[in-house]
Amino acid sequence: MSSGPVDGSAAPKLPGTPSRRRRRPKPPPTAYNRAVGSTIDLPAGHAAQVFPIGSSTGFIGEAFSMDSLEFMRWAALRYDKDRFILVVLLTLMGSQKPGGLIEATHEDVAKELKYSRPHVGRAFNVLEADGALRKLQRGLYQLNPAASLRGGLREPRQGEKKRSKAGMGDRVEQLDLLREIMEDPDAPEAFRAMAAPGARLTARGDSDEEGEATS
């Protein structure tokens, strides 16, 4: 026989009894969780797999690059005494086209950063001497793909032919780019050294050497 309140009131809550909580409403769909795509009817006896593609559009502005962690730590130490070089390096890393190509002159970068052309030219010279950057022609540079690389479809430069049968640009393959650099007799020695398999970055050093700025 059980006992309880006779006035119709609720029974006292026992200690330790979990309280009921309202379920929180599901957050509205976003670009990350919104259902997209189409329904495909597969023929009998067939199956399909769904997997994420090897790129992402979740970055701010969608474009992104792949960067060597060791290179970033090395650059932070190497250019600690001359941090303007880091400013120029980050600007170049953020200005890449697929394949690491940068279409800009010293004047273009100086205007963007609001610094003088000689300051920017000196930073370019230091980055080239260290092997992180090379000049292909006036107004066209390339970051070392062993250090920083933007993927995607690379449009052929003037004089090159498109190798894609679909008429699109060639997809950037890092190892192919590195092999091309190692086989290029015109590639600067420092640039090839950083692109070599198993390359070791040099120890911390001064980067305040003056050089003639050319663009």
Foldseek 3Di string as FASTA:
>chain_A
DDDADPVPDDGDDDPPDDDDDDDDDDDDDDPVRDDDDDDDDDDPPDDDDDDDDPADQPDVVRFDKDFDPVLVVQCCQQCVVPCVLVVLVVVQLVQADAQQKHQAALVRSCVVVVHDSQVSLLSQVLCVVQQQKDDPDGRIIGGQLLGMGTWDFDADDPPDDAPDPVPTGHTDDSVVSLVVLCVDPPRDPNNNQSSDPPRDRDHHDHRPDHDDGDD
